[in-house]
Amino acid sequence: MAEETQGRITVRSNIQDYMDEIDQYTAQLPLTIREQMRQALYLEYEGDYEGQEKLCREMLETDPACPDVLSMLGRCLLSEGKAEEAVPYLEDALRAEPADFNTLVSLGQAYHSLGQYKQAVQTFEKAAAAPDYHPFFYTTYGDSLEKLGQREKAREIFRKEVTRWEETRNIVSVDILDGCFVRLLYLDAILGAMELTVDIGVYKRFLSAAEMDAAMQRRLAQNISYLSTALTVRTFRIPFRGLIREVEERGYLIGSEQYYIIENAYRSVESYEYHEDNAVSAMMESFLSSESRVSATGAGEVDTNEKLTALSYEWYMTRYIENHGEELLYVSEKYPHSYIRVVTFLDQLQQLGAPGMRSAILDKLETFDEIKVPRDALEAGMEEAYQKALTRKKEPVYLTEGNVTYKRSGKKILPNDPCPCGSGKKYKKCHGRNA
């Protein structure tokens, strides 16, 4: 149950309303189990599933074939994470009452938990025409369809949860609705749905109404990260950037540990754009990408290989920008979020000069246990790797544009290339050994 206060949505629990519903429901049950059923439903409300399970088993001793008790026990076991144990009770309850909506939903959830997505979908389909609402119905139904590769149908199901919120502004769980929103937007993007812009607009309204507490901020950051995986679709980049701008301008993540995700999102968009920009070389692209990965705040512990790659490309750039300053200027103007990540390096380069910067980078490389060659061999290896990198082209990798597959240019270190760490070894004999 939800209430809206000054435009903000908050979830609230009304125990009195719930108890009234219990009274109405249990009044129809046999007297022999009525009070126990009432207690069991209250325990479910409180989240005491062990106590609820105990009462259910006691009631089954009195009435072993009662579909209400069988269904409740199955639901209770499902809540305890015992999906496999729940299935036979739910199946027995369904045989007694084949059209019971709540039992169908619980059985579909149990199949979903067990990874039996085909059975889950078949079960959810039987419940789809019911007028009742169940908070987990659309989420598990949609996810099961998506797991089976039925993305168009999954998108329709997630959209029903969103539509319900649009029409009623009532929600049982912010988590559930938020999850449906992000899955809907992702499927809109990869399927090239014409409703994408409309759905993003609805999501923005949801964000403006939701209480932006710490939990919601974490979900929002996770959603942004998840949606960024759909940036392979060109038509999604502009609306995605618009969504990020809205999040930034409205300050939804201010004060949050996840605030860094905004800059990361802008750089993600730019990375796809400069990847396809003929004015940006493979060398510059590799440099920008390596610096972005290593310096991204909140990204966690950086892999040693990424640190070595970043230092290697910094060394290359001390040579490269001597003759390509205009390309760097172009990048600074067109891709400011990516450029800002290399400003510290450029400041150091200006202060130390190219030879001094190369020497400082070699000092850092020598601190790695992976580097086991003399300094002069290390420098010679770096120069050889740099000359090889100069000739590399952006190579094709596969992307999707809605339902169409095509190629774009990308970068790849070949097995016989000099290792970017500057060891002088071939990549396959060094850091590419375990790749």
Protein backbone atom coordinates (compact mmCIF):
# COMPACT_ATOMS: atom_id res chain seq x y z
CA MET A 1 0.00 0.00 0.00
CA ALA A 2 1.25 3.48 -0.73
CA GLU A 3 0.37 7.03 0.06
CA GLU A 4 1.35 10.25 -1.71
CA THR A 5 2.38 13.27 0.36
CA GLN A 6 3.22 16.55 -1.36
CA GLY A 7 3.93 14.69 -4.58
CA ARG A 8 6.22 12.13 -2.95
CA ILE A 9 5.48 8.43 -2.90
CA THR A 10 6.20 6.49 0.27
CA VAL A 11 5.28 2.92 1.11
CA ARG A 12 3.24 2.45 4.25
CA SER A 13 1.74 -0.57 5.97
CA ASN A 14 -1.76 -0.30 7.41
CA ILE A 15 -2.17 -3.16 9.84
CA GLN A 16 -5.82 -2.35 10.48
CA ASP A 17 -6.72 -2.61 6.78
CA TYR A 18 -4.81 -5.87 6.58
CA MET A 19 -6.55 -7.35 9.61
CA ASP A 20 -9.94 -6.34 8.19
CA GLU A 21 -9.09 -8.25 5.02
CA ILE A 22 -8.04 -11.26 7.10
CA ASP A 23 -11.34 -11.20 8.96
CA GLN A 24 -13.31 -11.13 5.70
CA TYR A 25 -11.28 -14.00 4.26
CA THR A 26 -11.25 -16.28 7.33
CA ALA A 27 -14.99 -15.83 7.89
CA GLN A 28 -15.51 -18.14 4.88
CA LEU A 29 -13.28 -20.91 6.25
CA PRO A 30 -14.24 -23.90 8.42
CA LEU A 31 -14.32 -23.15 12.15
CA THR A 32 -11.73 -25.88 12.79
CA ILE A 33 -8.96 -23.86 11.15
CA ARG A 34 -10.34 -20.33 11.20
CA GLU A 35 -8.37 -19.00 14.18
CA GLN A 36 -5.15 -20.77 13.18
CA MET A 37 -5.47 -19.35 9.67
CA ARG A 38 -5.96 -15.89 11.11
CA GLN A 39 -2.80 -16.27 13.19
CA ALA A 40 -0.88 -17.66 10.22
CA LEU A 41 -1.82 -14.70 8.01
CA TYR A 42 -0.73 -12.28 10.74
CA LEU A 43 2.61 -14.10 11.02
CA GLU A 44 3.00 -13.77 7.25
CA TYR A 45 2.42 -10.04 7.58
CA GLU A 46 5.10 -9.92 10.28
CA GLY A 47 7.52 -11.98 8.17
CA ASP A 48 7.61 -14.85 10.67
CA TYR A 49 7.55 -17.62 8.06
CA GLU A 50 8.82 -20.33 10.39
CA GLY A 51 5.92 -19.74 12.74
CA GLN A 52 3.55 -19.61 9.79
CA GLU A 53 4.88 -22.91 8.44
CA LYS A 54 4.35 -24.59 11.81
CA LEU A 55 0.72 -23.44 11.94
CA CYS A 56 0.11 -24.56 8.35
CA ARG A 57 1.36 -28.06 9.10
CA GLU A 58 -0.84 -28.22 12.19
CA MET A 59 -3.87 -27.22 10.10
CA LEU A 60 -3.08 -29.88 7.49
CA GLU A 61 -3.25 -32.50 10.23
CA THR A 62 -6.86 -31.40 10.74
CA ASP A 63 -7.72 -30.99 7.05
CA PRO A 64 -5.02 -32.53 4.78
CA ALA A 65 -6.74 -31.55 1.52
CA CYS A 66 -7.69 -27.94 2.34
CA PRO A 67 -6.57 -25.93 -0.76
CA ASP A 68 -6.30 -22.69 1.23
CA VAL A 69 -3.85 -24.23 3.68
CA LEU A 70 -1.91 -26.05 0.95
CA SER A 71 -1.57 -22.80 -0.97
CA MET A 72 -0.50 -20.87 2.13
CA LEU A 73 2.10 -23.50 3.09
CA GLY A 74 3.50 -23.41 -0.45
CA ARG A 75 3.65 -19.61 -0.33
CA CYS A 76 5.28 -19.75 3.10
CA LEU A 77 7.96 -22.22 1.95
CA LEU A 78 8.61 -20.04 -1.08
CA SER A 79 9.18 -17.06 1.22
CA GLU A 80 11.67 -19.18 3.19
CA GLY A 81 13.61 -19.90 -0.01
CA LYS A 82 12.38 -23.50 -0.22
CA ALA A 83 10.96 -23.32 -3.74
CA GLU A 84 11.47 -26.99 -4.55
CA GLU A 85 9.62 -28.04 -1.39
CA ALA A 86 6.84 -25.52 -2.11
CA VAL A 87 5.96 -26.83 -5.57
CA PRO A 88 4.07 -30.03 -4.63
CA TYR A 89 1.89 -28.18 -2.08
CA LEU A 90 1.04 -25.50 -4.62
CA GLU A 91 0.34 -28.08 -7.32
CA ASP A 92 -1.99 -29.95 -4.96
CA ALA A 93 -3.79 -26.70 -4.10
CA LEU A 94 -4.15 -25.89 -7.80
CA ARG A 95 -5.64 -29.28 -8.58
CA ALA A 96 -8.35 -28.54 -6.04
CA GLU A 97 -8.90 -24.96 -7.25
CA PRO A 98 -7.45 -24.64 -10.79
CA ALA A 99 -8.34 -20.97 -11.22
CA ASP A 100 -7.06 -19.61 -7.90
CA PHE A 101 -5.06 -16.53 -8.85
CA ASN A 102 -2.78 -16.36 -5.80
CA THR A 103 -1.87 -20.04 -6.06
CA LEU A 104 -1.09 -19.67 -9.76
CA VAL A 105 1.17 -16.71 -9.08
CA SER A 106 2.97 -18.47 -6.22
CA LEU A 107 3.48 -21.63 -8.31
CA GLY A 108 4.79 -19.51 -11.19
CA GLN A 109 7.20 -17.82 -8.78
CA ALA A 110 8.37 -21.21 -7.49
CA TYR A 111 9.06 -22.45 -11.02
CA HIS A 112 10.89 -19.17 -11.73
CA SER A 113 13.05 -19.59 -8.61
CA LEU A 114 14.00 -23.08 -9.78
CA GLY A 115 14.93 -21.81 -13.25
CA GLN A 116 12.01 -23.66 -14.84
CA TYR A 117 11.02 -20.66 -16.94
CA LYS A 118 8.87 -22.49 -19.46
CA GLN A 119 6.68 -23.94 -16.70
CA ALA A 120 6.60 -20.51 -15.03
CA VAL A 121 5.35 -18.82 -18.19
CA GLN A 122 2.71 -21.49 -18.76
CA THR A 123 1.50 -21.00 -15.19
CA PHE A 124 1.51 -17.19 -15.37
CA GLU A 125 -0.44 -17.31 -18.64
CA LYS A 126 -3.29 -19.03 -16.80
CA ALA A 127 -3.36 -16.18 -14.27
CA ALA A 128 -2.99 -13.35 -16.80
CA ALA A 129 -6.73 -12.82 -17.32
CA ALA A 130 -7.50 -12.50 -13.59
CA PRO A 131 -8.69 -9.06 -12.43
CA ASP A 132 -6.76 -9.26 -9.15
CA TYR A 133 -3.38 -7.62 -8.64
CA HIS A 134 -0.35 -9.39 -7.22
CA PRO A 135 2.86 -7.37 -6.70
CA PHE A 136 5.22 -10.09 -7.92
CA PHE A 137 3.16 -11.23 -10.89
CA TYR A 138 4.45 -8.88 -13.59
CA THR A 139 8.08 -8.95 -12.44
CA THR A 140 8.52 -12.72 -12.37
CA TYR A 141 6.32 -13.24 -15.44
CA GLY A 142 8.30 -10.68 -17.43
CA ASP A 143 11.64 -12.03 -16.25
CA SER A 144 10.66 -15.60 -17.16
CA LEU A 145 9.70 -14.47 -20.66
CA GLU A 146 12.97 -12.59 -21.05
CA LYS A 147 14.94 -15.63 -19.89
CA LEU A 148 13.24 -17.60 -22.67
CA GLY A 149 14.21 -14.96 -25.23
CA GLN A 150 10.65 -13.63 -25.61
CA ARG A 151 11.70 -10.00 -25.24
CA GLU A 152 8.77 -8.36 -27.01
CA LYS A 153 6.27 -10.18 -24.79
CA ALA A 154 8.39 -9.48 -21.69
CA ARG A 155 8.35 -5.78 -22.54
CA GLU A 156 4.54 -5.83 -22.70
CA ILE A 157 4.34 -7.44 -19.26
CA PHE A 158 6.72 -4.95 -17.60
CA ARG A 159 4.74 -2.14 -19.23
CA LYS A 160 1.55 -3.36 -17.51
CA GLU A 161 3.06 -2.73 -14.07
CA VAL A 162 4.13 0.74 -15.19
CA THR A 163 0.68 1.42 -16.68
CA ARG A 164 -0.96 0.41 -13.41
CA TRP A 165 1.11 3.03 -11.60
CA GLU A 166 0.29 5.65 -14.23
CA GLU A 167 -3.42 5.02 -13.80
CA THR A 168 -3.63 4.64 -10.02
CA ARG A 169 -0.43 6.14 -8.57
CA ASN A 170 -0.68 3.29 -6.05
CA ILE A 171 2.24 0.94 -5.47
CA VAL A 172 2.86 -1.92 -3.11
CA SER A 173 6.64 -1.74 -3.41
CA VAL A 174 8.95 0.93 -4.81
CA ASP A 175 11.49 -1.86 -5.45
CA ILE A 176 9.12 -3.79 -7.69
CA LEU A 177 7.93 -0.79 -9.69
CA ASP A 178 11.46 0.55 -10.07
CA GLY A 179 12.64 -2.84 -11.29
CA CYS A 180 9.88 -2.97 -13.90
CA PHE A 181 10.78 0.52 -15.08
CA VAL A 182 14.44 -0.27 -15.71
CA ARG A 183 13.66 -3.57 -17.46
CA LEU A 184 11.08 -1.81 -19.63
CA LEU A 185 13.50 0.95 -20.65
CA TYR A 186 16.25 -1.56 -21.43
CA LEU A 187 13.92 -3.61 -23.64
CA ASP A 188 12.61 -0.41 -25.27
CA ALA A 189 16.19 0.43 -26.20
CA ILE A 190 17.37 -2.90 -27.57
CA LEU A 191 14.10 -3.58 -29.39
CA GLY A 192 13.98 -0.10 -30.90
CA ALA A 193 10.51 0.48 -29.43
CA MET A 194 8.87 3.72 -30.57
CA GLU A 195 7.53 4.23 -27.03
CA LEU A 196 11.03 4.69 -25.60
CA THR A 197 10.78 8.48 -25.27
CA VAL A 198 7.34 8.22 -23.69
CA ASP A 199 8.48 5.56 -21.23
CA ILE A 200 11.53 7.59 -20.21
CA GLY A 201 9.19 10.51 -19.56
CA VAL A 202 7.04 8.34 -17.29
CA TYR A 203 10.17 7.13 -15.47
CA LYS A 204 11.24 10.73 -14.90
CA ARG A 205 7.84 11.45 -13.35
CA PHE A 206 8.27 8.43 -11.11
CA LEU A 207 11.69 9.67 -9.99
CA SER A 208 10.31 13.13 -9.23
CA ALA A 209 7.57 11.59 -7.08
CA ALA A 210 9.60 8.90 -5.30
CA GLU A 211 11.26 9.53 -1.95
CA MET A 212 14.95 9.77 -2.88
CA ASP A 213 16.32 8.07 0.23
CA ALA A 214 19.60 6.13 0.35
CA ALA A 215 17.98 2.92 -0.90
CA MET A 216 16.37 4.72 -3.84
CA GLN A 217 19.66 6.42 -4.68
CA ARG A 218 21.38 3.03 -4.81
CA ARG A 219 18.67 1.66 -7.09
CA LEU A 220 18.91 4.70 -9.36
CA ALA A 221 22.68 4.33 -9.69
CA GLN A 222 22.29 0.62 -10.44
CA ASN A 223 19.65 1.42 -13.05
CA ILE A 224 21.93 3.92 -14.79
CA SER A 225 24.71 1.35 -14.87
CA TYR A 226 22.37 -1.31 -16.23
CA LEU A 227 20.88 0.95 -18.90
CA SER A 228 24.35 1.97 -20.07
CA THR A 229 24.76 -1.59 -21.41
CA ALA A 230 22.16 -0.70 -24.07
CA LEU A 231 24.33 2.13 -25.46
CA THR A 232 25.35 -0.17 -28.29
CA VAL A 233 22.05 0.99 -29.81
CA ARG A 234 22.74 4.39 -31.39
CA THR A 235 19.18 5.64 -31.06
CA PHE A 236 19.31 5.14 -27.29
CA ARG A 237 22.24 7.48 -26.67
CA ILE A 238 20.42 10.79 -26.89
CA PRO A 239 17.51 9.80 -24.59
CA PHE A 240 19.97 8.15 -22.19
CA ARG A 241 22.03 11.34 -22.03
CA GLY A 242 18.81 13.28 -21.41
CA LEU A 243 17.93 10.99 -18.50
CA ILE A 244 21.38 11.45 -16.96
CA ARG A 245 21.11 15.22 -17.34
CA GLU A 246 17.77 15.13 -15.50
CA VAL A 247 19.27 13.08 -12.66
CA GLU A 248 22.16 15.53 -12.43
CA GLU A 249 20.11 18.73 -12.60
CA ARG A 250 17.53 17.57 -10.07
CA GLY A 251 20.26 16.50 -7.66
CA TYR A 252 18.84 13.03 -7.09
CA LEU A 253 22.25 11.58 -6.21
CA ILE A 254 23.70 14.55 -4.31
CA GLY A 255 25.14 13.36 -1.01
CA SER A 256 25.18 9.77 -2.25
CA GLU A 257 28.20 7.49 -2.53
CA GLN A 258 26.90 6.68 -6.00
CA TYR A 259 27.20 10.23 -7.33
CA TYR A 260 30.22 9.22 -9.43
CA ILE A 261 27.88 7.20 -11.68
CA ILE A 262 26.75 10.41 -13.40
CA GLU A 263 30.21 11.19 -14.78
CA ASN A 264 30.72 7.53 -15.63
CA ALA A 265 27.47 7.57 -17.60
CA TYR A 266 28.46 10.65 -19.61
CA ARG A 267 31.82 9.06 -20.39
CA SER A 268 30.11 5.82 -21.43
CA VAL A 269 28.09 7.70 -24.04
CA GLU A 270 31.19 9.56 -25.24
CA SER A 271 33.17 6.33 -25.48
CA TYR A 272 30.72 4.96 -28.05
CA GLU A 273 30.72 8.24 -29.90
CA TYR A 274 34.48 8.68 -30.17
CA HIS A 275 34.82 5.01 -30.99
CA GLU A 276 32.84 5.68 -34.16
CA ASP A 277 34.45 9.09 -34.80
CA ASN A 278 36.98 8.93 -37.64
CA ALA A 279 38.68 12.04 -36.27
CA VAL A 280 39.74 10.06 -33.16
CA SER A 281 42.55 7.58 -33.76
CA ALA A 282 42.83 4.10 -32.29
CA MET A 283 45.75 5.37 -30.20
CA MET A 284 43.73 8.24 -28.72
CA GLU A 285 40.75 5.99 -28.12
CA SER A 286 42.85 3.45 -26.24
CA PHE A 287 44.41 6.21 -24.16
CA LEU A 288 41.07 7.76 -23.21
CA SER A 289 39.54 4.37 -22.40
CA SER A 290 42.43 3.21 -20.22
CA GLU A 291 42.56 6.47 -18.27
CA SER A 292 38.81 6.42 -17.75
CA ARG A 293 38.83 2.90 -16.34
CA VAL A 294 41.69 3.49 -13.92
CA SER A 295 40.63 6.90 -12.62
CA ALA A 296 36.89 6.31 -12.28
CA THR A 297 35.89 7.15 -8.70
CA GLY A 298 33.90 4.42 -7.00
CA ALA A 299 34.98 1.79 -9.51
CA GLY A 300 36.55 -0.34 -6.79
CA GLU A 301 39.97 -1.98 -6.86
CA VAL A 302 41.56 -1.53 -10.29
CA ASP A 303 43.02 -4.61 -11.93
CA THR A 304 46.82 -4.65 -12.22
CA ASN A 305 46.61 -5.23 -15.96
CA GLU A 306 44.46 -2.10 -16.33
CA LYS A 307 46.99 -0.06 -14.35
CA LEU A 308 49.81 -1.34 -16.55
CA THR A 309 47.80 -0.64 -19.69
CA ALA A 310 47.05 2.91 -18.54
CA LEU A 311 50.72 3.60 -17.76
CA SER A 312 51.73 2.12 -21.10
CA TYR A 313 49.36 4.39 -23.02
CA GLU A 314 50.51 7.38 -20.98
CA TRP A 315 54.04 6.56 -22.12
CA TYR A 316 52.84 6.28 -25.73
CA MET A 317 51.04 9.61 -25.49
CA THR A 318 54.22 11.44 -24.45
CA ARG A 319 55.43 10.53 -27.95
CA TYR A 320 52.11 10.71 -29.80
CA ILE A 321 50.90 14.21 -28.93
CA GLU A 322 54.17 15.78 -30.11
CA ASN A 323 52.69 15.49 -33.62
CA HIS A 324 48.97 15.22 -32.83
CA GLY A 325 48.16 18.17 -30.61
CA GLU A 326 45.25 19.17 -32.83
CA GLU A 327 43.56 15.81 -32.20
CA LEU A 328 43.83 16.33 -28.45
CA LEU A 329 42.27 19.79 -28.84
CA TYR A 330 39.42 18.24 -30.84
CA VAL A 331 38.83 15.68 -28.10
CA SER A 332 38.80 18.35 -25.40
CA GLU A 333 36.02 20.24 -27.20
CA LYS A 334 33.86 17.34 -28.37
CA TYR A 335 34.32 14.85 -25.51
CA PRO A 336 34.77 16.97 -22.38
CA HIS A 337 33.80 14.27 -19.86
CA SER A 338 36.44 11.92 -21.22
CA TYR A 339 39.03 14.68 -21.62
CA ILE A 340 38.71 15.77 -17.99
CA ARG A 341 40.09 12.39 -16.93
CA VAL A 342 43.41 13.03 -18.66
CA VAL A 343 43.94 16.63 -17.51
CA THR A 344 46.13 15.59 -14.57
CA PHE A 345 48.36 13.59 -16.88
CA LEU A 346 48.63 16.50 -19.32
CA ASP A 347 49.50 18.92 -16.51
CA GLN A 348 52.30 16.62 -15.37
CA LEU A 349 53.49 16.24 -18.95
CA GLN A 350 53.69 20.02 -19.30
CA GLN A 351 55.61 20.37 -16.04
CA LEU A 352 58.10 17.53 -16.58
CA GLY A 353 58.40 17.65 -20.35
CA ALA A 354 58.11 14.56 -22.54
CA PRO A 355 61.48 12.96 -21.59
CA GLY A 356 60.91 13.62 -17.89
CA MET A 357 57.39 12.21 -18.03
CA ARG A 358 58.58 9.07 -19.79
CA SER A 359 61.21 8.60 -17.10
CA ALA A 360 58.62 9.05 -14.35
CA ILE A 361 56.35 6.47 -16.01
CA LEU A 362 59.23 4.00 -16.27
CA ASP A 363 59.84 4.52 -12.54
CA LYS A 364 56.23 3.51 -11.86
CA LEU A 365 56.38 0.50 -14.18
CA GLU A 366 59.46 -0.79 -12.41
CA THR A 367 57.50 -1.02 -9.14
CA PHE A 368 55.31 -3.79 -10.57
CA ASP A 369 56.34 -7.37 -9.86
CA GLU A 370 55.26 -8.26 -13.39
CA ILE A 371 58.05 -6.15 -14.86
CA LYS A 372 61.26 -8.21 -14.65
CA VAL A 373 63.52 -6.63 -17.27
CA PRO A 374 66.31 -4.03 -16.98
CA ARG A 375 65.30 -0.41 -17.44
CA ASP A 376 66.93 -0.04 -20.87
CA ALA A 377 65.14 -3.18 -22.12
CA LEU A 378 61.90 -1.90 -20.64
CA GLU A 379 62.25 1.42 -22.49
CA ALA A 380 63.13 -0.36 -25.73
CA GLY A 381 60.08 -2.59 -25.32
CA MET A 382 57.87 0.43 -24.77
CA GLU A 383 59.15 2.06 -27.96
CA GLU A 384 58.58 -1.11 -29.96
CA ALA A 385 55.04 -1.44 -28.58
CA TYR A 386 54.36 2.22 -29.36
CA GLN A 387 55.44 1.87 -33.00
CA LYS A 388 53.22 -1.19 -33.33
CA ALA A 389 50.28 0.62 -31.72
CA LEU A 390 50.65 3.49 -34.22
CA THR A 391 49.77 1.18 -37.10
CA ARG A 392 46.76 -0.39 -35.42
CA LYS A 393 43.33 0.36 -36.83
CA LYS A 394 39.99 0.36 -35.11
CA GLU A 395 38.86 -3.19 -35.68
CA PRO A 396 35.26 -4.42 -36.19
CA VAL A 397 33.24 -5.76 -33.29
CA TYR A 398 29.61 -6.76 -33.31
CA LEU A 399 26.84 -4.48 -32.05
CA THR A 400 23.08 -4.49 -32.22
CA GLU A 401 20.77 -1.77 -33.50
CA GLY A 402 17.33 -2.90 -32.44
CA ASN A 403 16.89 -6.22 -34.21
CA VAL A 404 19.73 -5.57 -36.69
CA THR A 405 23.29 -6.79 -36.18
CA TYR A 406 26.16 -4.82 -37.71
CA LYS A 407 29.84 -4.09 -37.22
CA ARG A 408 31.73 -1.12 -35.89
CA SER A 409 35.40 -0.43 -35.31
CA GLY A 410 37.14 -1.50 -32.12
CA LYS A 411 40.53 -2.23 -30.64
CA LYS A 412 42.18 -5.51 -29.84
CA ILE A 413 45.70 -6.55 -28.83
CA LEU A 414 46.80 -9.38 -31.10
CA PRO A 415 48.75 -12.38 -29.70
CA ASN A 416 51.99 -11.47 -31.51
CA ASP A 417 51.86 -7.75 -30.67
CA PRO A 418 54.34 -6.36 -28.13
CA CYS A 419 52.73 -6.45 -24.68
CA PRO A 420 51.47 -2.97 -23.68
CA CYS A 421 53.25 -3.34 -20.32
CA GLY A 422 56.52 -2.68 -22.13
CA SER A 423 58.23 -5.91 -21.06
CA GLY A 424 59.43 -6.47 -24.62
CA LYS A 425 57.65 -9.81 -24.77
CA LYS A 426 54.87 -10.72 -27.15
CA TYR A 427 51.38 -10.26 -25.63
CA LYS A 428 50.68 -14.03 -25.78
CA LYS A 429 53.85 -14.69 -23.75
CA CYS A 430 53.15 -11.99 -21.16
CA HIS A 431 49.83 -10.50 -19.99
CA GLY A 432 47.90 -12.29 -22.73
CA ARG A 433 48.94 -15.68 -21.40
CA ASN A 434 45.77 -16.12 -19.36
CA ALA A 435 43.48 -14.00 -21.53
